Amino acid sequence: AGWACCDAWQHWPVWGEEQYMVAAESLRTQVRRMAPHPSVILFMYGSDVNPIPRAEENYLKVFRDEHWANPIVASAANDTSAISGPTGVKMSGPYAWVPPRYWLEGAEKRLLGGAFGFLTEGGPGAAVMPFESMLKVAPEAELQDPATSKVVNFHTGNPAGLFYDLRFYNRPLEQRYGAARTTRDYFDKAQLAAYEAQRSFFEGYSARKYQATGVIQWMLNSAWPSNYWNLF
């Protein structure tokens, strides 16, 4: 658990007294609500960036006052706080498609998201919806040539970011499974690719469970139909 990234929770330079108070009391309500919940393994109180000292000291005081029993870390990234020390975790991705061997070879070479340490967010990237789900989003006529379909690409990531289409995904999909013969064949191959990618991801971390201490899949299913970072 933790605060959302990339928004007001991390805009410490513009915080005033009110924001410091709201942040501390917001944490207090979350701690009281989640303390008895069995699935909460840790709280990342800076999201993916270490908070500035004043904010971190306020947060740590709340944890002490409320007798929070679970682990806490300053952020989800591999970083070191001047107050609480190293986070002991990593946020190295990947966020796009990788071959199944990536996880174990990455562990051997100590590369990025390879199966070692505690990965706070990562996964094999695009997860194209099943054909039946895509038909609920758009008529089949708009899904012809899915690799270049504007509708398929529209349901991906932030249009201003890196993952605004499936360009990182379509080439390895074709090279690994062959060119799609039909629209349906593309979506069927995509499901096979998703199974292989997710299976190797979790098998890699499970196989090295004494060196790979944990992993958080990026991400779960969003409410908006998306062809990126879902577990369809």
Protein backbone atom coordinates (compact mmCIF):
# COMPACT_ATOMS: atom_id res chain seq x y z
CA ALA A 1 0.00 0.00 0.00
CA GLY A 2 1.01 3.62 -0.37
CA TRP A 3 0.17 6.97 -1.91
CA ALA A 4 -0.44 7.47 -5.62
CA CYS A 5 2.59 8.63 -7.57
CA CYS A 6 2.98 11.63 -9.87
CA ASP A 7 0.46 13.86 -8.14
CA ALA A 8 -0.04 16.12 -5.10
CA TRP A 9 1.34 13.52 -2.69
CA GLN A 10 4.79 14.14 -4.16
CA HIS A 11 4.62 17.92 -4.71
CA TRP A 12 6.43 18.68 -1.47
CA PRO A 13 8.08 21.93 -2.66
CA VAL A 14 4.67 23.59 -2.86
CA TRP A 15 3.23 22.13 0.35
CA GLY A 16 2.12 24.51 3.07
CA GLU A 17 1.12 23.81 6.66
CA GLU A 18 -2.30 22.60 5.57
CA GLN A 19 -0.84 20.00 3.18
CA TYR A 20 1.51 18.63 5.86
CA MET A 21 -1.41 18.30 8.26
CA VAL A 22 -3.70 16.68 5.67
CA ALA A 23 -0.97 14.24 4.63
CA ALA A 24 -0.28 13.13 8.21
CA GLU A 25 -3.94 12.72 9.09
CA SER A 26 -4.66 10.96 5.81
CA LEU A 27 -1.94 8.46 6.65
CA ARG A 28 -3.42 8.03 10.12
CA THR A 29 -6.82 7.08 8.70
CA GLN A 30 -5.24 4.65 6.24
CA VAL A 31 -3.12 3.02 8.95
CA ARG A 32 -6.14 2.51 11.18
CA ARG A 33 -8.18 1.13 8.31
CA MET A 34 -5.55 -1.25 6.95
CA ALA A 35 -3.82 -2.41 10.12
CA PRO A 36 -6.07 -5.46 10.61
CA HIS A 37 -6.16 -6.40 6.93
CA PRO A 38 -4.26 -9.66 6.29
CA SER A 39 -3.17 -8.81 2.73
CA VAL A 40 -1.23 -5.62 3.54
CA ILE A 41 2.45 -6.57 3.50
CA LEU A 42 4.01 -3.10 3.66
CA PHE A 43 3.35 0.63 3.29
CA MET A 44 5.40 2.75 0.86
CA TYR A 45 4.78 6.21 2.27
CA GLY A 46 6.65 8.12 -0.44
CA SER A 47 5.12 6.16 -3.32
CA ASP A 48 7.98 5.89 -5.85
CA VAL A 49 10.10 8.82 -4.58
CA ASN A 50 11.65 9.34 -1.16
CA PRO A 51 9.75 12.12 0.64
CA ILE A 52 11.58 15.20 1.82
CA PRO A 53 12.76 15.01 5.46
CA ARG A 54 9.91 16.96 7.05
CA ALA A 55 7.26 14.88 5.31
CA GLU A 56 9.05 11.62 6.16
CA GLU A 57 9.43 12.56 9.83
CA ASN A 58 5.71 13.35 10.01
CA TYR A 59 4.82 10.02 8.42
CA LEU A 60 7.13 8.05 10.70
CA LYS A 61 5.59 9.71 13.75
CA VAL A 62 2.13 8.59 12.64
CA PHE A 63 3.35 5.00 12.24
CA ARG A 64 4.83 5.08 15.74
CA ASP A 65 1.78 6.69 17.30
CA GLU A 66 -0.55 4.16 15.71
CA HIS A 67 1.67 1.15 16.50
CA TRP A 68 1.80 0.04 12.87
CA ALA A 69 3.20 -3.49 12.90
CA ASN A 70 4.01 -4.14 9.23
CA PRO A 71 7.13 -3.10 7.30
CA ILE A 72 7.36 0.46 5.97
CA VAL A 73 9.68 1.81 3.27
CA ALA A 74 10.30 5.36 2.11
CA SER A 75 9.56 4.54 -1.53
CA ALA A 76 9.09 1.74 -4.04
CA ALA A 77 12.40 2.59 -5.73
CA ASN A 78 15.92 1.37 -4.99
CA ASP A 79 16.92 4.45 -3.02
CA THR A 80 18.32 5.55 0.32
CA SER A 81 16.65 7.90 2.76
CA ALA A 82 18.79 10.06 5.03
CA ILE A 83 16.36 9.20 7.84
CA SER A 84 15.27 5.59 7.34
CA GLY A 85 18.13 4.26 5.23
CA PRO A 86 18.00 1.98 2.15
CA THR A 87 14.57 0.95 0.93
CA GLY A 88 15.72 -2.59 0.18
CA VAL A 89 13.44 -2.85 -2.85
CA LYS A 90 13.68 -2.06 -6.57
CA MET A 91 11.32 -0.49 -9.12
CA SER A 92 13.16 -1.41 -12.29
CA GLY A 93 10.35 -2.70 -14.50
CA PRO A 94 10.19 -3.98 -17.16
CA TYR A 95 7.05 -2.37 -18.53
CA ALA A 96 7.22 -3.71 -22.10
CA TRP A 97 7.48 -7.20 -23.60
CA VAL A 98 10.49 -9.28 -22.70
CA PRO A 99 11.32 -12.88 -23.72
CA PRO A 100 10.57 -15.62 -21.18
CA ARG A 101 14.27 -16.16 -20.45
CA TYR A 102 14.60 -12.57 -19.25
CA TRP A 103 13.66 -13.30 -15.64
CA LEU A 104 16.20 -16.04 -14.93
CA GLU A 105 18.98 -14.64 -17.11
CA GLY A 106 18.37 -11.24 -15.55
CA ALA A 107 18.77 -12.81 -12.13
CA GLU A 108 22.08 -14.43 -13.07
CA LYS A 109 23.42 -11.15 -14.48
CA ARG A 110 21.74 -8.97 -11.81
CA LEU A 111 19.95 -6.95 -14.46
CA LEU A 112 16.99 -4.67 -13.77
CA GLY A 113 13.79 -6.65 -13.27
CA GLY A 114 15.44 -10.08 -13.25
CA ALA A 115 14.30 -12.48 -10.55
CA PHE A 116 16.26 -11.19 -7.58
CA GLY A 117 15.38 -8.88 -4.70
CA PHE A 118 11.90 -7.41 -4.16
CA LEU A 119 10.42 -5.95 -7.36
CA THR A 120 7.74 -3.42 -6.43
CA GLU A 121 6.38 -3.07 -9.97
CA GLY A 122 7.15 -4.92 -13.16
CA GLY A 123 5.75 -7.24 -15.76
CA PRO A 124 5.89 -8.30 -19.40
CA GLY A 125 4.07 -5.24 -20.75
CA ALA A 126 1.22 -5.30 -23.21
CA ALA A 127 -1.70 -7.63 -22.52
CA VAL A 128 -4.03 -7.52 -25.49
CA MET A 129 -7.67 -8.13 -24.69
CA PRO A 130 -9.30 -11.36 -25.88
CA PHE A 131 -11.11 -10.96 -29.19
CA GLU A 132 -14.49 -11.26 -27.47
CA SER A 133 -13.63 -8.43 -25.09
CA MET A 134 -12.33 -6.24 -27.91
CA LEU A 135 -15.62 -6.69 -29.75
CA LYS A 136 -17.35 -5.09 -26.78
CA VAL A 137 -15.14 -2.06 -27.28
CA ALA A 138 -15.40 -1.68 -31.06
CA PRO A 139 -17.07 -3.38 -34.05
CA GLU A 140 -15.00 -5.97 -35.90
CA ALA A 141 -14.77 -3.72 -38.96
CA GLU A 142 -12.61 -1.31 -36.95
CA LEU A 143 -10.28 -4.07 -35.79
CA GLN A 144 -8.97 -5.12 -39.19
CA ASP A 145 -5.16 -5.32 -39.20
CA PRO A 146 -4.97 -5.09 -35.39
CA ALA A 147 -1.26 -4.28 -35.42
CA THR A 148 -2.02 -0.88 -36.94
CA SER A 149 -5.64 -0.43 -35.84
CA LYS A 150 -6.27 3.02 -34.36
CA VAL A 151 -8.90 1.54 -32.06
CA VAL A 152 -6.58 -1.16 -30.70
CA ASN A 153 -3.79 1.38 -30.16
CA PHE A 154 -6.19 3.89 -28.62
CA HIS A 155 -6.79 1.39 -25.83
CA THR A 156 -3.18 1.32 -24.67
CA GLY A 157 -1.27 3.81 -22.51
CA ASN A 158 -0.97 7.53 -22.05
CA PRO A 159 -0.98 9.16 -25.53
CA ALA A 160 1.73 11.54 -24.33
CA GLY A 161 3.90 8.76 -22.89
CA LEU A 162 5.98 5.87 -24.19
CA PHE A 163 3.23 3.28 -24.32
CA TYR A 164 0.71 4.99 -26.58
CA ASP A 165 0.59 2.05 -29.01
CA LEU A 166 1.73 -1.56 -29.37
CA ARG A 167 4.96 -0.94 -31.31
CA PHE A 168 7.06 -2.61 -28.58
CA TYR A 169 4.80 -5.65 -28.72
CA ASN A 170 3.78 -6.38 -32.31
CA ARG A 171 7.22 -7.12 -33.70
CA PRO A 172 8.17 -9.79 -31.13
CA LEU A 173 4.64 -11.20 -31.36
CA GLU A 174 5.02 -11.74 -35.10
CA GLN A 175 8.59 -13.01 -34.89
CA ARG A 176 7.77 -15.46 -32.12
CA TYR A 177 4.41 -16.79 -33.32
CA GLY A 178 4.29 -15.87 -36.99
CA ALA A 179 2.33 -13.28 -38.93
CA ALA A 180 -1.38 -13.16 -38.13
CA ARG A 181 -3.49 -14.58 -40.95
CA THR A 182 -6.74 -13.01 -39.77
CA THR A 183 -7.96 -10.55 -37.17
CA ARG A 184 -9.02 -13.41 -34.93
CA ASP A 185 -5.64 -15.09 -35.39
CA TYR A 186 -3.87 -11.95 -34.11
CA PHE A 187 -5.92 -11.91 -30.92
CA ASP A 188 -5.50 -15.67 -30.41
CA LYS A 189 -1.72 -15.36 -30.77
CA ALA A 190 -1.80 -12.45 -28.32
CA GLN A 191 -3.49 -14.66 -25.72
CA LEU A 192 -0.83 -17.32 -26.18
CA ALA A 193 1.85 -14.66 -25.80
CA ALA A 194 0.22 -13.35 -22.63
CA TYR A 195 0.09 -16.83 -21.11
CA GLU A 196 3.74 -17.51 -21.92
CA ALA A 197 4.90 -14.09 -20.71
CA GLN A 198 3.01 -14.13 -17.41
CA ARG A 199 3.83 -17.74 -16.68
CA SER A 200 7.57 -17.24 -17.16
CA PHE A 201 7.41 -14.06 -15.06
CA PHE A 202 5.96 -15.77 -12.00
CA GLU A 203 7.86 -19.02 -12.52
CA GLY A 204 11.13 -17.09 -12.62
CA TYR A 205 10.46 -15.40 -9.29
CA SER A 206 9.11 -18.60 -7.74
CA ALA A 207 12.13 -20.63 -8.87
CA ARG A 208 14.44 -18.18 -7.08
CA LYS A 209 12.26 -17.57 -4.07
CA TYR A 210 15.21 -17.40 -1.66
CA GLN A 211 16.96 -14.70 -3.71
CA ALA A 212 13.81 -13.10 -5.14
CA THR A 213 11.97 -12.00 -2.04
CA GLY A 214 8.82 -10.66 -3.66
CA VAL A 215 7.19 -9.25 -6.76
CA ILE A 216 4.21 -7.00 -7.45
CA GLN A 217 2.64 -7.43 -10.89
CA TRP A 218 2.31 -4.23 -12.91
CA MET A 219 -0.67 -4.02 -13.06
CA LEU A 220 -4.09 -5.55 -12.40
CA ASN A 221 -7.18 -4.98 -14.52
CA SER A 222 -8.22 -1.36 -14.94
CA ALA A 223 -11.83 -0.25 -15.20
CA TRP A 224 -11.15 1.20 -18.66
CA PRO A 225 -10.57 -1.51 -21.31
CA SER A 226 -6.85 -1.42 -21.99
CA ASN A 227 -4.37 -3.48 -23.98
CA TYR A 228 -1.53 -2.61 -21.63
CA TRP A 229 -0.62 -3.89 -18.15
CA ASN A 230 -3.66 -6.01 -17.45
CA LEU A 231 -4.16 -9.66 -16.53
CA PHE A 232 -6.78 -10.60 -19.09
